[in-house]
Amino acid sequence: MNVNELKNIVGNRFFHVTFKKKDGTIREMTCRTGVKKYVKGNGKPINDGRVGVYEVNTNRKGAAAYRSFYPESVISLKVDGCTFYFNE
């Protein structure tokens, strides 16, 4: 999977993603692409293949923030009640 394929699946909706971080740990977050609120200036574009998202999960203290992940590391995506699974 690449960035464009992921954005075609999720569009501009909230989604839940499970992925493997570089250190091998599994990470889950509820997020959305295309959020520009609180970005100073134009923001920094991500050009190294990562997907830039805004995590909205407020279950953890301080979790709402801009984050990124590599689409190749995605294990599953849940969008509008449909779950998509990908090979690790």
C-alpha atoms as a PDB file:
ATOM      1  CA  MET A   1       0.000   0.000   0.000  1.00  0.00           C
ATOM      2  CA  ASN A   2       1.193   3.530  -0.681  1.00  0.00           C
ATOM      3  CA  VAL A   3       0.051   6.991   0.436  1.00  0.00           C
ATOM      4  CA  ASN A   4      -2.341   7.514  -2.482  1.00  0.00           C
ATOM      5  CA  GLU A   5      -4.011   4.116  -2.031  1.00  0.00           C
ATOM      6  CA  LEU A   6      -4.528   4.796   1.664  1.00  0.00           C
ATOM      7  CA  LYS A   7      -6.012   8.239   0.994  1.00  0.00           C
ATOM      8  CA  ASN A   8      -8.351   6.722  -1.618  1.00  0.00           C
ATOM      9  CA  ILE A   9      -9.661   4.262   0.988  1.00  0.00           C
ATOM     10  CA  VAL A  10     -10.116   6.711   3.866  1.00  0.00           C
ATOM     11  CA  GLY A  11     -10.870   9.914   1.958  1.00  0.00           C
ATOM     12  CA  ASN A  12     -11.401  12.805   4.335  1.00  0.00           C
ATOM     13  CA  ARG A  13     -13.076  10.713   7.049  1.00  0.00           C
ATOM     14  CA  PHE A  14     -12.026   9.642  10.504  1.00  0.00           C
ATOM     15  CA  PHE A  15     -10.443   6.183  10.571  1.00  0.00           C
ATOM     16  CA  HIS A  16      -8.794   3.790  12.996  1.00  0.00           C
ATOM     17  CA  VAL A  17      -5.398   2.444  11.976  1.00  0.00           C
ATOM     18  CA  THR A  18      -3.240  -0.309  13.432  1.00  0.00           C
ATOM     19  CA  PHE A  19       0.372  -0.349  12.290  1.00  0.00           C
ATOM     20  CA  LYS A  20       3.815  -1.579  13.267  1.00  0.00           C
ATOM     21  CA  LYS A  21       6.268   1.104  14.341  1.00  0.00           C
ATOM     22  CA  LYS A  22       9.919   1.001  13.294  1.00  0.00           C
ATOM     23  CA  ASP A  23      10.883  -0.399  16.694  1.00  0.00           C
ATOM     24  CA  GLY A  24       8.489  -3.323  16.135  1.00  0.00           C
ATOM     25  CA  THR A  25       5.770  -2.286  18.574  1.00  0.00           C
ATOM     26  CA  ILE A  26       2.152  -2.226  17.467  1.00  0.00           C
ATOM     27  CA  ARG A  27       0.402   1.163  17.562  1.00  0.00           C
ATOM     28  CA  GLU A  28      -3.265   2.040  17.168  1.00  0.00           C
ATOM     29  CA  MET A  29      -4.822   5.450  16.685  1.00  0.00           C
ATOM     30  CA  THR A  30      -7.990   7.155  15.540  1.00  0.00           C
ATOM     31  CA  CYS A  31      -7.105   9.892  13.126  1.00  0.00           C
ATOM     32  CA  ARG A  32      -7.929  11.897  10.018  1.00  0.00           C
ATOM     33  CA  THR A  33      -5.936  13.161   7.046  1.00  0.00           C
ATOM     34  CA  GLY A  34      -6.133  16.700   5.705  1.00  0.00           C
ATOM     35  CA  VAL A  35      -6.477  18.516   9.037  1.00  0.00           C
ATOM     36  CA  LYS A  36      -4.902  21.958   8.960  1.00  0.00           C
ATOM     37  CA  LYS A  37      -6.108  23.463  12.250  1.00  0.00           C
ATOM     38  CA  TYR A  38      -3.364  24.746  14.568  1.00  0.00           C
ATOM     39  CA  VAL A  39      -0.714  24.457  11.841  1.00  0.00           C
ATOM     40  CA  LYS A  40       1.558  27.473  11.882  1.00  0.00           C
ATOM     41  CA  GLY A  41       2.350  28.930   8.466  1.00  0.00           C
ATOM     42  CA  ASN A  42       2.086  26.320   5.717  1.00  0.00           C
ATOM     43  CA  GLY A  43       3.265  23.445   7.859  1.00  0.00           C
ATOM     44  CA  LYS A  44       6.007  21.064   6.787  1.00  0.00           C
ATOM     45  CA  PRO A  45       5.069  18.696   3.956  1.00  0.00           C
ATOM     46  CA  ILE A  46       6.015  15.058   4.396  1.00  0.00           C
ATOM     47  CA  ASN A  47       7.818  13.812   1.296  1.00  0.00           C
ATOM     48  CA  ASP A  48       9.386  10.567   2.487  1.00  0.00           C
ATOM     49  CA  GLY A  49       6.395   8.259   1.955  1.00  0.00           C
ATOM     50  CA  ARG A  50       4.732   8.793   5.332  1.00  0.00           C
ATOM     51  CA  VAL A  51       1.043   9.587   5.804  1.00  0.00           C
ATOM     52  CA  GLY A  52       0.486  12.729   7.857  1.00  0.00           C
ATOM     53  CA  VAL A  53      -2.572  12.575  10.132  1.00  0.00           C
ATOM     54  CA  TYR A  54      -4.140  14.307  13.106  1.00  0.00           C
ATOM     55  CA  GLU A  55      -4.762  11.870  15.968  1.00  0.00           C
ATOM     56  CA  VAL A  56      -7.978  12.688  17.809  1.00  0.00           C
ATOM     57  CA  ASN A  57      -8.028   9.930  20.421  1.00  0.00           C
ATOM     58  CA  THR A  58      -8.581  11.684  23.729  1.00  0.00           C
ATOM     59  CA  ASN A  59      -8.478   8.536  25.878  1.00  0.00           C
ATOM     60  CA  ARG A  60      -4.803   9.160  26.583  1.00  0.00           C
ATOM     61  CA  LYS A  61      -3.520  12.373  28.078  1.00  0.00           C
ATOM     62  CA  GLY A  62      -2.052  14.610  25.388  1.00  0.00           C
ATOM     63  CA  ALA A  63      -2.793  12.216  22.532  1.00  0.00           C
ATOM     64  CA  ALA A  64      -4.437  14.747  20.213  1.00  0.00           C
ATOM     65  CA  ALA A  65      -1.578  15.763  17.927  1.00  0.00           C
ATOM     66  CA  TYR A  66      -0.188  15.564  14.421  1.00  0.00           C
ATOM     67  CA  ARG A  67       1.483  12.225  13.749  1.00  0.00           C
ATOM     68  CA  SER A  68       2.643  10.154  10.797  1.00  0.00           C
ATOM     69  CA  PHE A  69       3.152   6.529   9.803  1.00  0.00           C
ATOM     70  CA  TYR A  70       4.387   4.549   6.820  1.00  0.00           C
ATOM     71  CA  PRO A  71       1.534   3.010   4.794  1.00  0.00           C
ATOM     72  CA  GLU A  72       3.624  -0.140   4.227  1.00  0.00           C
ATOM     73  CA  SER A  73       3.463  -0.809   7.982  1.00  0.00           C
ATOM     74  CA  VAL A  74      -0.353  -0.793   8.182  1.00  0.00           C
ATOM     75  CA  ILE A  75      -1.888  -3.959   9.597  1.00  0.00           C
ATOM     76  CA  SER A  76      -5.524  -2.845   9.485  1.00  0.00           C
ATOM     77  CA  LEU A  77      -7.753   0.141   8.731  1.00  0.00           C
ATOM     78  CA  LYS A  78     -11.293   0.655   9.973  1.00  0.00           C
ATOM     79  CA  VAL A  79     -13.370   3.199   8.055  1.00  0.00           C
ATOM     80  CA  ASP A  80     -17.147   3.675   8.336  1.00  0.00           C
ATOM     81  CA  GLY A  81     -17.536   0.320  10.081  1.00  0.00           C
ATOM     82  CA  CYS A  82     -15.586  -1.625   7.420  1.00  0.00           C
ATOM     83  CA  THR A  83     -12.261  -3.161   8.426  1.00  0.00           C
ATOM     84  CA  PHE A  84      -9.506  -3.760   5.879  1.00  0.00           C
ATOM     85  CA  TYR A  85      -6.605  -6.072   6.733  1.00  0.00           C
ATOM     86  CA  PHE A  86      -3.182  -5.954   5.086  1.00  0.00           C
ATOM     87  CA  ASN A  87      -0.198  -8.286   5.114  1.00  0.00           C
ATOM     88  CA  GLU A  88       2.654  -7.343   7.392  1.00  0.00           C
END
